[in-house]
Amino acid sequence: MAAPLLITATQCFAHKTKQEEELQVEQIYKRYRELIIPNLPRQKGWMREHSCLYQGCWIDSKIIEGSMYLQEHFKARPTDVLLATPPKCGTTWLKGLIFSIMNRASYEPSMKEHPLLTSGVHECVPFLEVNLLRGPPIGDLEVLPSPRLLCTHVPYSMLPETARGHDGCRIVHMWRNPKDALVSFWHFAGVTY
């Protein structure tokens, strides 16, 4: 059986101490919060305090921080597979399917230690910009073996140039009827009348 392809976020940070990584990331985010985000146009948000207009899209200010970090630091490889979907469009389901297909030779279906059973789909296929909000980012993505399977809710126009270029990664995009996605998001958020 082939070696497992799953490397957790903790393993990615093995080369740096947690404090060094957190300090570096905090300095980057401080620059975003002080220099860039206050100068963006704002509107009252639906679920959050406000949304900002960033590169032609109205986005929550916390997601903008992750998107900026992604644009500055993510280097796509030609072998990468990037799952790019809007929220509430079947992302979790598709993440599980693609992970299973890409790693079917690495894990036997009957394994009780299969990553999708022990870790969950979001640990196996991380969100690039959202993980940045839950503490330190994914880590040094260069240590992940190819092909890397990654996920994002960032619109195509906001992806780093390395992902969109001719030599960029493969992008799997799934869309859903916007009315259905809105209703799903409404229920997900627990909005009441």
N, C-alpha and C. Protein backbone atom coordinates (compact mmCIF):
# COMPACT_ATOMS: atom_id res chain seq x y z
N MET A 1 0.85 -1.17 0.00
CA MET A 1 0.00 0.00 0.00
C MET A 1 0.90 1.24 0.00
N ALA A 2 0.52 2.23 -0.78
CA ALA A 2 1.30 3.47 -0.89
C ALA A 2 1.22 4.27 0.41
N ALA A 3 2.18 5.13 0.62
CA ALA A 3 2.21 5.98 1.82
C ALA A 3 1.06 6.98 1.75
N PRO A 4 0.43 7.26 2.89
CA PRO A 4 -0.67 8.23 2.90
C PRO A 4 -0.20 9.60 2.45
N LEU A 5 -1.08 10.29 1.74
CA LEU A 5 -0.76 11.61 1.21
C LEU A 5 -1.22 12.74 2.11
N LEU A 6 -1.84 12.40 3.24
CA LEU A 6 -2.38 13.42 4.13
C LEU A 6 -1.30 13.93 5.07
N ILE A 7 -1.08 15.23 5.06
CA ILE A 7 -0.19 15.88 6.01
C ILE A 7 -1.00 16.94 6.72
N THR A 8 -1.04 16.88 8.03
CA THR A 8 -1.86 17.82 8.78
C THR A 8 -1.17 19.17 8.89
N ALA A 9 -1.95 20.16 9.30
CA ALA A 9 -1.40 21.51 9.45
C ALA A 9 -0.26 21.53 10.47
N THR A 10 -0.37 20.73 11.51
CA THR A 10 0.69 20.67 12.52
C THR A 10 2.00 20.21 11.92
N GLN A 11 1.96 19.20 11.06
CA GLN A 11 3.17 18.70 10.44
C GLN A 11 3.79 19.72 9.50
N CYS A 12 2.98 20.57 8.89
CA CYS A 12 3.50 21.58 7.98
C CYS A 12 4.36 22.61 8.71
N PHE A 13 4.10 22.82 10.00
CA PHE A 13 4.83 23.82 10.77
C PHE A 13 6.03 23.25 11.51
N ALA A 14 6.42 22.02 11.19
CA ALA A 14 7.51 21.37 11.93
C ALA A 14 8.81 22.16 11.87
N HIS A 15 9.03 22.92 10.80
CA HIS A 15 10.28 23.64 10.63
C HIS A 15 10.32 24.98 11.38
N LYS A 16 9.19 25.48 11.86
CA LYS A 16 9.15 26.75 12.59
C LYS A 16 8.43 26.53 13.91
N THR A 17 8.78 27.34 14.89
CA THR A 17 8.05 27.28 16.14
C THR A 17 6.70 27.96 15.93
N LYS A 18 5.77 27.59 16.75
CA LYS A 18 4.43 28.15 16.63
C LYS A 18 4.45 29.66 16.87
N GLN A 19 5.24 30.11 17.81
CA GLN A 19 5.31 31.54 18.11
C GLN A 19 5.89 32.34 16.95
N GLU A 20 6.93 31.82 16.31
CA GLU A 20 7.53 32.51 15.16
C GLU A 20 6.52 32.64 14.03
N GLU A 21 5.81 31.56 13.76
CA GLU A 21 4.82 31.56 12.68
C GLU A 21 3.68 32.53 13.00
N GLU A 22 3.17 32.49 14.21
CA GLU A 22 2.06 33.38 14.60
C GLU A 22 2.48 34.84 14.54
N LEU A 23 3.70 35.15 14.96
CA LEU A 23 4.19 36.53 14.91
C LEU A 23 4.30 37.02 13.47
N GLN A 24 4.84 36.20 12.61
CA GLN A 24 4.98 36.57 11.20
C GLN A 24 3.62 36.80 10.56
N VAL A 25 2.68 35.89 10.79
CA VAL A 25 1.34 36.03 10.21
C VAL A 25 0.63 37.25 10.79
N GLU A 26 0.76 37.47 12.08
CA GLU A 26 0.12 38.62 12.71
C GLU A 26 0.64 39.94 12.14
N GLN A 27 1.92 40.02 11.84
CA GLN A 27 2.47 41.23 11.24
C GLN A 27 1.88 41.47 9.85
N ILE A 28 1.72 40.41 9.09
CA ILE A 28 1.13 40.52 7.75
C ILE A 28 -0.32 40.99 7.87
N TYR A 29 -1.09 40.36 8.76
CA TYR A 29 -2.49 40.73 8.94
C TYR A 29 -2.63 42.15 9.49
N LYS A 30 -1.72 42.58 10.34
CA LYS A 30 -1.76 43.93 10.87
C LYS A 30 -1.61 44.94 9.73
N ARG A 31 -0.72 44.64 8.80
CA ARG A 31 -0.55 45.51 7.62
C ARG A 31 -1.84 45.58 6.82
N TYR A 32 -2.51 44.44 6.62
CA TYR A 32 -3.79 44.45 5.91
C TYR A 32 -4.82 45.30 6.64
N ARG A 33 -4.95 45.09 7.96
CA ARG A 33 -5.97 45.79 8.74
C ARG A 33 -5.71 47.29 8.83
N GLU A 34 -4.46 47.71 8.88
CA GLU A 34 -4.15 49.13 9.06
C GLU A 34 -4.05 49.91 7.76
N LEU A 35 -3.51 49.29 6.72
CA LEU A 35 -3.23 50.03 5.49
C LEU A 35 -4.26 49.84 4.38
N ILE A 36 -4.81 48.66 4.27
CA ILE A 36 -5.62 48.36 3.10
C ILE A 36 -7.11 48.34 3.40
N ILE A 37 -7.53 47.52 4.33
CA ILE A 37 -8.96 47.31 4.56
C ILE A 37 -9.71 48.58 4.95
N PRO A 38 -9.16 49.47 5.81
CA PRO A 38 -9.90 50.70 6.15
C PRO A 38 -10.19 51.60 4.95
N ASN A 39 -9.43 51.47 3.88
CA ASN A 39 -9.61 52.32 2.71
C ASN A 39 -10.57 51.73 1.67
N LEU A 40 -11.11 50.55 1.92
CA LEU A 40 -12.03 49.92 0.97
C LEU A 40 -13.45 50.43 1.20
N PRO A 41 -14.27 50.52 0.12
CA PRO A 41 -15.68 50.89 0.29
C PRO A 41 -16.39 49.85 1.16
N ARG A 42 -17.31 50.30 2.03
CA ARG A 42 -18.01 49.41 2.96
C ARG A 42 -19.52 49.54 2.81
N GLN A 43 -20.20 48.43 3.11
CA GLN A 43 -21.66 48.40 3.19
C GLN A 43 -22.03 47.54 4.39
N LYS A 44 -23.21 47.76 4.93
CA LYS A 44 -23.68 46.92 6.03
C LYS A 44 -23.81 45.49 5.51
N GLY A 45 -23.25 44.55 6.25
CA GLY A 45 -23.27 43.15 5.84
C GLY A 45 -24.55 42.46 6.26
N TRP A 46 -24.73 41.27 5.76
CA TRP A 46 -25.92 40.49 6.07
C TRP A 46 -25.73 39.75 7.40
N MET A 47 -24.65 38.97 7.50
CA MET A 47 -24.39 38.20 8.72
C MET A 47 -23.31 38.85 9.59
N ARG A 48 -22.51 39.69 9.01
CA ARG A 48 -21.40 40.31 9.72
C ARG A 48 -21.67 41.81 9.83
N GLU A 49 -20.77 42.47 10.54
CA GLU A 49 -20.93 43.91 10.75
C GLU A 49 -20.94 44.67 9.42
N HIS A 50 -20.00 44.31 8.53
CA HIS A 50 -19.96 44.99 7.24
C HIS A 50 -19.24 44.13 6.21
N SER A 51 -19.47 44.46 4.96
CA SER A 51 -18.77 43.84 3.84
C SER A 51 -17.99 44.94 3.13
N CYS A 52 -16.90 44.55 2.50
CA CYS A 52 -16.05 45.51 1.79
C CYS A 52 -15.97 45.13 0.32
N LEU A 53 -15.86 46.15 -0.53
CA LEU A 53 -15.68 45.93 -1.95
C LEU A 53 -14.18 45.75 -2.20
N TYR A 54 -13.81 44.54 -2.59
CA TYR A 54 -12.40 44.22 -2.84
C TYR A 54 -12.29 43.52 -4.18
N GLN A 55 -11.56 44.12 -5.08
CA GLN A 55 -11.34 43.59 -6.42
C GLN A 55 -12.65 43.20 -7.12
N GLY A 56 -13.64 44.08 -6.98
CA GLY A 56 -14.91 43.89 -7.68
C GLY A 56 -15.90 42.97 -7.01
N CYS A 57 -15.63 42.48 -5.80
CA CYS A 57 -16.53 41.57 -5.09
C CYS A 57 -16.79 42.09 -3.68
N TRP A 58 -18.05 41.99 -3.23
CA TRP A 58 -18.40 42.35 -1.86
C TRP A 58 -18.12 41.15 -0.97
N ILE A 59 -17.18 41.32 -0.04
CA ILE A 59 -16.70 40.21 0.77
C ILE A 59 -16.57 40.66 2.21
N ASP A 60 -16.80 39.73 3.14
CA ASP A 60 -16.59 39.99 4.56
C ASP A 60 -15.13 40.38 4.78
N SER A 61 -14.89 41.34 5.65
CA SER A 61 -13.53 41.84 5.84
C SER A 61 -12.58 40.76 6.35
N LYS A 62 -13.06 39.79 7.10
CA LYS A 62 -12.19 38.71 7.57
C LYS A 62 -11.76 37.82 6.41
N ILE A 63 -12.62 37.59 5.47
CA ILE A 63 -12.28 36.78 4.29
C ILE A 63 -11.31 37.55 3.40
N ILE A 64 -11.43 38.87 3.37
CA ILE A 64 -10.49 39.68 2.57
C ILE A 64 -9.07 39.47 3.08
N GLU A 65 -8.90 39.43 4.40
CA GLU A 65 -7.56 39.21 4.96
C GLU A 65 -6.99 37.89 4.45
N GLY A 66 -7.79 36.84 4.51
CA GLY A 66 -7.34 35.54 4.02
C GLY A 66 -7.06 35.54 2.53
N SER A 67 -7.88 36.27 1.78
CA SER A 67 -7.69 36.35 0.33
C SER A 67 -6.40 37.09 -0.02
N MET A 68 -6.13 38.17 0.71
CA MET A 68 -4.89 38.91 0.47
C MET A 68 -3.68 38.04 0.78
N TYR A 69 -3.75 37.31 1.88
CA TYR A 69 -2.65 36.42 2.25
C TYR A 69 -2.46 35.35 1.17
N LEU A 70 -3.56 34.82 0.68
CA LEU A 70 -3.52 33.81 -0.38
C LEU A 70 -2.87 34.37 -1.64
N GLN A 71 -3.25 35.58 -2.05
CA GLN A 71 -2.69 36.18 -3.26
C GLN A 71 -1.20 36.44 -3.13
N GLU A 72 -0.75 36.80 -1.94
CA GLU A 72 0.67 37.11 -1.76
C GLU A 72 1.55 35.88 -1.57
N HIS A 73 1.01 34.81 -0.97
CA HIS A 73 1.87 33.72 -0.54
C HIS A 73 1.63 32.36 -1.21
N PHE A 74 0.53 32.18 -1.89
CA PHE A 74 0.24 30.88 -2.49
C PHE A 74 0.91 30.75 -3.85
N LYS A 75 1.66 29.69 -4.03
CA LYS A 75 2.32 29.38 -5.30
C LYS A 75 1.75 28.06 -5.81
N ALA A 76 0.95 28.14 -6.85
CA ALA A 76 0.32 26.93 -7.41
C ALA A 76 1.33 26.13 -8.22
N ARG A 77 1.14 24.83 -8.21
CA ARG A 77 1.93 23.92 -9.03
C ARG A 77 1.04 23.42 -10.17
N PRO A 78 1.62 23.04 -11.30
CA PRO A 78 0.80 22.51 -12.39
C PRO A 78 0.04 21.24 -12.01
N THR A 79 0.51 20.52 -11.01
CA THR A 79 -0.16 19.28 -10.60
C THR A 79 -1.25 19.50 -9.56
N ASP A 80 -1.38 20.71 -9.05
CA ASP A 80 -2.39 21.00 -8.03
C ASP A 80 -3.80 20.87 -8.60
N VAL A 81 -4.71 20.50 -7.73
CA VAL A 81 -6.13 20.52 -8.05
C VAL A 81 -6.77 21.46 -7.05
N LEU A 82 -7.40 22.51 -7.55
CA LEU A 82 -8.01 23.53 -6.71
C LEU A 82 -9.53 23.47 -6.91
N LEU A 83 -10.23 23.13 -5.86
CA LEU A 83 -11.68 23.10 -5.89
C LEU A 83 -12.18 24.49 -5.53
N ALA A 84 -12.80 25.18 -6.47
CA ALA A 84 -13.26 26.56 -6.28
C ALA A 84 -14.77 26.61 -6.44
N THR A 85 -15.45 26.88 -5.33
CA THR A 85 -16.91 26.93 -5.34
C THR A 85 -17.39 28.10 -4.51
N PRO A 86 -18.55 28.66 -4.84
CA PRO A 86 -19.17 29.62 -3.92
C PRO A 86 -19.68 28.86 -2.69
N PRO A 87 -19.93 29.56 -1.58
CA PRO A 87 -20.47 28.88 -0.40
C PRO A 87 -21.83 28.23 -0.68
N LYS A 88 -22.08 27.14 0.02
CA LYS A 88 -23.34 26.40 -0.02
C LYS A 88 -23.67 25.85 -1.41
N CYS A 89 -22.65 25.39 -2.11
CA CYS A 89 -22.85 24.82 -3.45
C CYS A 89 -22.36 23.37 -3.53
N GLY A 90 -22.32 22.65 -2.41
CA GLY A 90 -21.90 21.26 -2.42
C GLY A 90 -20.40 21.08 -2.24
N THR A 91 -19.75 22.05 -1.65
CA THR A 91 -18.30 22.01 -1.51
C THR A 91 -17.83 20.82 -0.68
N THR A 92 -18.44 20.61 0.48
CA THR A 92 -18.00 19.53 1.37
C THR A 92 -18.18 18.18 0.70
N TRP A 93 -19.28 17.98 0.05
CA TRP A 93 -19.56 16.73 -0.66
C TRP A 93 -18.52 16.49 -1.75
N LEU A 94 -18.24 17.54 -2.54
CA LEU A 94 -17.28 17.41 -3.63
C LEU A 94 -15.86 17.21 -3.11
N LYS A 95 -15.52 17.85 -1.99
CA LYS A 95 -14.20 17.65 -1.39
C LYS A 95 -13.98 16.18 -1.04
N GLY A 96 -14.98 15.56 -0.42
CA GLY A 96 -14.89 14.14 -0.06
C GLY A 96 -14.73 13.25 -1.28
N LEU A 97 -15.51 13.52 -2.32
CA LEU A 97 -15.43 12.71 -3.54
C LEU A 97 -14.07 12.83 -4.22
N ILE A 98 -13.58 14.05 -4.39
CA ILE A 98 -12.30 14.26 -5.07
C ILE A 98 -11.15 13.67 -4.25
N PHE A 99 -11.18 13.85 -2.92
CA PHE A 99 -10.14 13.27 -2.08
C PHE A 99 -10.13 11.75 -2.22
N SER A 100 -11.30 11.14 -2.21
CA SER A 100 -11.40 9.68 -2.35
C SER A 100 -10.86 9.21 -3.69
N ILE A 101 -11.18 9.92 -4.76
CA ILE A 101 -10.71 9.53 -6.09
C ILE A 101 -9.21 9.69 -6.21
N MET A 102 -8.68 10.82 -5.74
CA MET A 102 -7.25 11.07 -5.87
C MET A 102 -6.40 10.14 -5.01
N ASN A 103 -6.96 9.64 -3.91
CA ASN A 103 -6.19 8.82 -2.98
C ASN A 103 -6.67 7.38 -2.90
N ARG A 104 -7.41 6.91 -3.88
CA ARG A 104 -7.96 5.56 -3.80
C ARG A 104 -6.89 4.49 -3.77
N ALA A 105 -5.72 4.73 -4.34
CA ALA A 105 -4.65 3.75 -4.30
C ALA A 105 -3.90 3.77 -2.96
N SER A 106 -4.05 4.82 -2.20
CA SER A 106 -3.33 4.96 -0.94
C SER A 106 -4.06 4.34 0.24
N TYR A 107 -5.37 4.24 0.17
CA TYR A 107 -6.16 3.74 1.29
C TYR A 107 -7.11 2.67 0.81
N GLU A 108 -7.21 1.59 1.58
CA GLU A 108 -8.19 0.55 1.27
C GLU A 108 -9.56 1.03 1.75
N PRO A 109 -10.61 0.70 1.02
CA PRO A 109 -11.95 1.18 1.41
C PRO A 109 -12.37 0.70 2.79
N SER A 110 -11.87 -0.45 3.23
CA SER A 110 -12.29 -1.00 4.51
C SER A 110 -11.43 -0.52 5.69
N MET A 111 -10.45 0.35 5.43
CA MET A 111 -9.57 0.82 6.51
C MET A 111 -10.36 1.63 7.54
N LYS A 112 -10.19 1.28 8.79
CA LYS A 112 -10.85 2.03 9.86
C LYS A 112 -10.11 3.33 10.14
N GLU A 113 -8.87 3.45 9.66
CA GLU A 113 -8.08 4.66 9.86
C GLU A 113 -8.10 5.57 8.63
N HIS A 114 -9.06 5.39 7.75
CA HIS A 114 -9.15 6.23 6.56
C HIS A 114 -9.31 7.69 7.02
N PRO A 115 -8.56 8.62 6.41
CA PRO A 115 -8.62 10.03 6.84
C PRO A 115 -10.01 10.63 6.85
N LEU A 116 -10.87 10.23 5.93
CA LEU A 116 -12.22 10.80 5.92
C LEU A 116 -13.05 10.30 7.10
N LEU A 117 -12.63 9.17 7.70
CA LEU A 117 -13.33 8.66 8.88
C LEU A 117 -12.74 9.19 10.18
N THR A 118 -11.45 9.46 10.18
CA THR A 118 -10.78 9.87 11.41
C THR A 118 -10.60 11.38 11.52
N SER A 119 -10.36 12.06 10.42
CA SER A 119 -10.07 13.50 10.46
C SER A 119 -11.21 14.36 9.96
N GLY A 120 -11.94 13.89 9.02
CA GLY A 120 -12.98 14.70 8.40
C GLY A 120 -12.49 15.36 7.13
N VAL A 121 -13.40 15.72 6.29
CA VAL A 121 -13.08 16.22 4.95
C VAL A 121 -12.37 17.57 4.99
N HIS A 122 -12.69 18.41 5.95
CA HIS A 122 -12.07 19.75 5.98
C HIS A 122 -10.62 19.70 6.44
N GLU A 123 -10.24 18.66 7.17
CA GLU A 123 -8.83 18.48 7.53
C GLU A 123 -8.06 17.87 6.35
N CYS A 124 -8.72 17.03 5.58
CA CYS A 124 -8.07 16.39 4.43
C CYS A 124 -7.90 17.34 3.25
N VAL A 125 -8.87 18.21 3.03
CA VAL A 125 -8.84 19.17 1.93
C VAL A 125 -9.08 20.56 2.52
N PRO A 126 -8.02 21.26 2.87
CA PRO A 126 -8.19 22.53 3.58
C PRO A 126 -8.65 23.67 2.67
N PHE A 127 -9.41 24.59 3.25
CA PHE A 127 -9.74 25.85 2.60
C PHE A 127 -8.52 26.75 2.71
N LEU A 128 -8.11 27.32 1.63
CA LEU A 128 -6.92 28.17 1.66
C LEU A 128 -7.14 29.43 2.48
N GLU A 129 -8.20 30.17 2.21
CA GLU A 129 -8.38 31.46 2.87
C GLU A 129 -9.07 31.34 4.22
N VAL A 130 -9.90 30.35 4.43
CA VAL A 130 -10.65 30.25 5.68
C VAL A 130 -9.77 29.73 6.80
N ASN A 131 -8.86 28.80 6.53
CA ASN A 131 -7.97 28.30 7.57
C ASN A 131 -7.12 29.42 8.13
N LEU A 132 -6.90 30.44 7.35
CA LEU A 132 -6.11 31.56 7.82
C LEU A 132 -6.81 32.30 8.95
N LEU A 133 -8.12 32.16 9.04
CA LEU A 133 -8.88 32.88 10.06
C LEU A 133 -8.94 32.12 11.37
N ARG A 134 -8.71 30.83 11.35
CA ARG A 134 -8.85 29.99 12.55
C ARG A 134 -7.53 29.82 13.27
N GLY A 135 -6.64 30.73 13.14
CA GLY A 135 -5.33 30.58 13.76
C GLY A 135 -4.29 30.67 12.68
N PRO A 136 -3.17 29.98 12.87
CA PRO A 136 -2.12 30.06 11.85
C PRO A 136 -2.61 29.47 10.53
N PRO A 137 -2.08 29.93 9.41
CA PRO A 137 -2.50 29.39 8.13
C PRO A 137 -2.07 27.94 7.98
N ILE A 138 -2.39 27.37 6.85
CA ILE A 138 -2.12 25.96 6.59
C ILE A 138 -0.66 25.63 6.84
N GLY A 139 0.19 26.55 6.65
CA GLY A 139 1.61 26.29 6.84
C GLY A 139 2.34 26.35 5.53
N ASP A 140 3.48 25.78 5.50
CA ASP A 140 4.29 25.77 4.30
C ASP A 140 3.72 24.74 3.33
N LEU A 141 3.00 25.23 2.34
CA LEU A 141 2.36 24.32 1.39
C LEU A 141 3.37 23.57 0.53
N GLU A 142 4.60 24.03 0.53
CA GLU A 142 5.64 23.36 -0.26
C GLU A 142 5.95 21.97 0.27
N VAL A 143 5.65 21.69 1.55
CA VAL A 143 5.95 20.38 2.10
C VAL A 143 4.89 19.35 1.74
N LEU A 144 3.73 19.79 1.25
CA LEU A 144 2.70 18.85 0.83
C LEU A 144 3.12 18.17 -0.46
N PRO A 145 2.94 16.85 -0.55
CA PRO A 145 3.33 16.14 -1.77
C PRO A 145 2.37 16.44 -2.92
N SER A 146 2.87 16.34 -4.12
CA SER A 146 2.03 16.53 -5.31
C SER A 146 1.34 15.20 -5.62
N PRO A 147 0.15 15.27 -6.13
CA PRO A 147 -0.68 16.44 -6.39
C PRO A 147 -1.38 16.90 -5.12
N ARG A 148 -1.37 18.22 -4.91
CA ARG A 148 -2.06 18.78 -3.74
C ARG A 148 -3.51 19.03 -4.10
N LEU A 149 -4.40 18.74 -3.18
CA LEU A 149 -5.82 19.01 -3.34
C LEU A 149 -6.18 20.10 -2.34
N LEU A 150 -6.61 21.25 -2.85
CA LEU A 150 -6.90 22.41 -2.01
C LEU A 150 -8.27 22.97 -2.39
N CYS A 151 -8.83 23.80 -1.54
CA CYS A 151 -10.17 24.31 -1.76
C CYS A 151 -10.22 25.81 -1.46
N THR A 152 -11.13 26.52 -2.13
CA THR A 152 -11.31 27.94 -1.87
C THR A 152 -12.73 28.37 -2.23
N HIS A 153 -13.19 29.42 -1.55
CA HIS A 153 -14.44 30.10 -1.92
C HIS A 153 -14.13 31.42 -2.63
N VAL A 154 -12.86 31.72 -2.85
CA VAL A 154 -12.45 32.97 -3.49
C VAL A 154 -12.87 32.95 -4.96
N PRO A 155 -13.46 34.04 -5.47
CA PRO A 155 -13.81 34.10 -6.90
C PRO A 155 -12.57 33.97 -7.79
N TYR A 156 -12.77 33.50 -9.00
CA TYR A 156 -11.67 33.27 -9.93
C TYR A 156 -10.80 34.51 -10.12
N SER A 157 -11.43 35.67 -10.21
CA SER A 157 -10.67 36.90 -10.43
C SER A 157 -9.74 37.24 -9.27
N MET A 158 -9.99 36.68 -8.09
CA MET A 158 -9.17 36.96 -6.92
C MET A 158 -8.14 35.88 -6.63
N LEU A 159 -8.11 34.84 -7.44
CA LEU A 159 -7.10 33.79 -7.25
C LEU A 159 -5.72 34.35 -7.61
N PRO A 160 -4.67 33.83 -6.99
CA PRO A 160 -3.33 34.28 -7.35
C PRO A 160 -3.03 33.99 -8.82
N GLU A 161 -2.20 34.80 -9.41
CA GLU A 161 -1.83 34.64 -10.83
C GLU A 161 -1.24 33.27 -11.10
N THR A 162 -0.54 32.69 -10.13
CA THR A 162 0.07 31.37 -10.34
C THR A 162 -0.99 30.29 -10.54
N ALA A 163 -2.19 30.49 -10.01
CA ALA A 163 -3.26 29.51 -10.20
C ALA A 163 -4.02 29.74 -11.50
N ARG A 164 -4.07 30.98 -11.98
CA ARG A 164 -4.85 31.32 -13.17
C ARG A 164 -4.05 31.28 -14.46
N GLY A 165 -2.73 31.28 -14.38
CA GLY A 165 -1.90 31.34 -15.58
C GLY A 165 -1.95 30.07 -16.41
N HIS A 166 -1.29 30.08 -17.55
CA HIS A 166 -1.27 28.94 -18.45
C HIS A 166 -0.64 27.71 -17.81
N ASP A 167 0.35 27.94 -16.96
CA ASP A 167 1.02 26.83 -16.29
C ASP A 167 0.43 26.59 -14.90
N GLY A 168 -0.71 27.17 -14.63
CA GLY A 168 -1.32 27.07 -13.31
C GLY A 168 -1.93 25.70 -13.06
N CYS A 169 -2.58 25.60 -11.95
CA CYS A 169 -3.16 24.32 -11.53
C CYS A 169 -4.49 24.07 -12.25
N ARG A 170 -4.97 22.85 -12.07
CA ARG A 170 -6.30 22.51 -12.58
C ARG A 170 -7.33 23.02 -11.57
N ILE A 171 -8.38 23.62 -12.08
CA ILE A 171 -9.41 24.17 -11.21
C ILE A 171 -10.71 23.43 -11.48
N VAL A 172 -11.28 22.88 -10.41
CA VAL A 172 -12.59 22.24 -10.48
C VAL A 172 -13.58 23.24 -9.92
N HIS A 173 -14.56 23.62 -10.74
CA HIS A 173 -15.52 24.64 -10.33
C HIS A 173 -16.92 24.03 -10.36
N MET A 174 -17.65 24.23 -9.28
CA MET A 174 -19.02 23.76 -9.23
C MET A 174 -19.91 24.93 -8.88
N TRP A 175 -21.02 25.04 -9.53
CA TRP A 175 -21.95 26.14 -9.34
C TRP A 175 -23.31 25.58 -8.99
N ARG A 176 -24.14 26.38 -8.36
CA ARG A 176 -25.49 25.99 -7.98
C ARG A 176 -26.41 27.17 -8.30
N ASN A 177 -27.65 26.88 -8.56
CA ASN A 177 -28.62 27.94 -8.80
C ASN A 177 -28.51 28.93 -7.64
N PRO A 178 -28.26 30.22 -7.91
CA PRO A 178 -28.08 31.20 -6.83
C PRO A 178 -29.26 31.27 -5.86
N LYS A 179 -30.47 31.05 -6.33
CA LYS A 179 -31.63 31.07 -5.43
C LYS A 179 -31.54 29.92 -4.43
N ASP A 180 -31.17 28.74 -4.90
CA ASP A 180 -31.02 27.59 -4.00
C ASP A 180 -29.88 27.80 -3.02
N ALA A 181 -28.77 28.38 -3.49
CA ALA A 181 -27.64 28.64 -2.61
C ALA A 181 -28.02 29.66 -1.53
N LEU A 182 -28.79 30.67 -1.88
CA LEU A 182 -29.22 31.68 -0.91
C LEU A 182 -30.11 31.05 0.15
N VAL A 183 -31.06 30.22 -0.26
CA VAL A 183 -31.95 29.56 0.71
C VAL A 183 -31.13 28.64 1.62
N SER A 184 -30.19 27.90 1.05
CA SER A 184 -29.34 27.02 1.84
C SER A 184 -28.50 27.83 2.84
N PHE A 185 -27.95 28.94 2.39
CA PHE A 185 -27.15 29.78 3.28
C PHE A 185 -28.02 30.40 4.36
N TRP A 186 -29.24 30.77 4.02
CA TRP A 186 -30.19 31.34 4.98
C TRP A 186 -30.43 30.36 6.11
N HIS A 187 -30.68 29.09 5.77
CA HIS A 187 -30.90 28.06 6.79
C HIS A 187 -29.62 27.76 7.56
N PHE A 188 -28.51 27.73 6.87
CA PHE A 188 -27.21 27.46 7.50
C PHE A 188 -26.90 28.52 8.56
N ALA A 189 -27.21 29.77 8.24
CA ALA A 189 -26.91 30.88 9.14
C ALA A 189 -27.91 30.97 10.30
N GLY A 190 -29.03 30.27 10.18
CA GLY A 190 -30.02 30.32 11.24
C GLY A 190 -30.75 31.64 11.31
N VAL A 191 -30.92 32.30 10.17
CA VAL A 191 -31.60 33.59 10.13
C VAL A 191 -33.09 33.35 10.37
N THR A 192 -33.66 34.15 11.27
CA THR A 192 -35.09 34.05 11.54
C THR A 192 -35.78 35.32 11.06
N TYR A 193 -37.06 35.21 10.83
CA TYR A 193 -37.83 36.35 10.34
C TYR A 193 -38.07 37.33 11.44
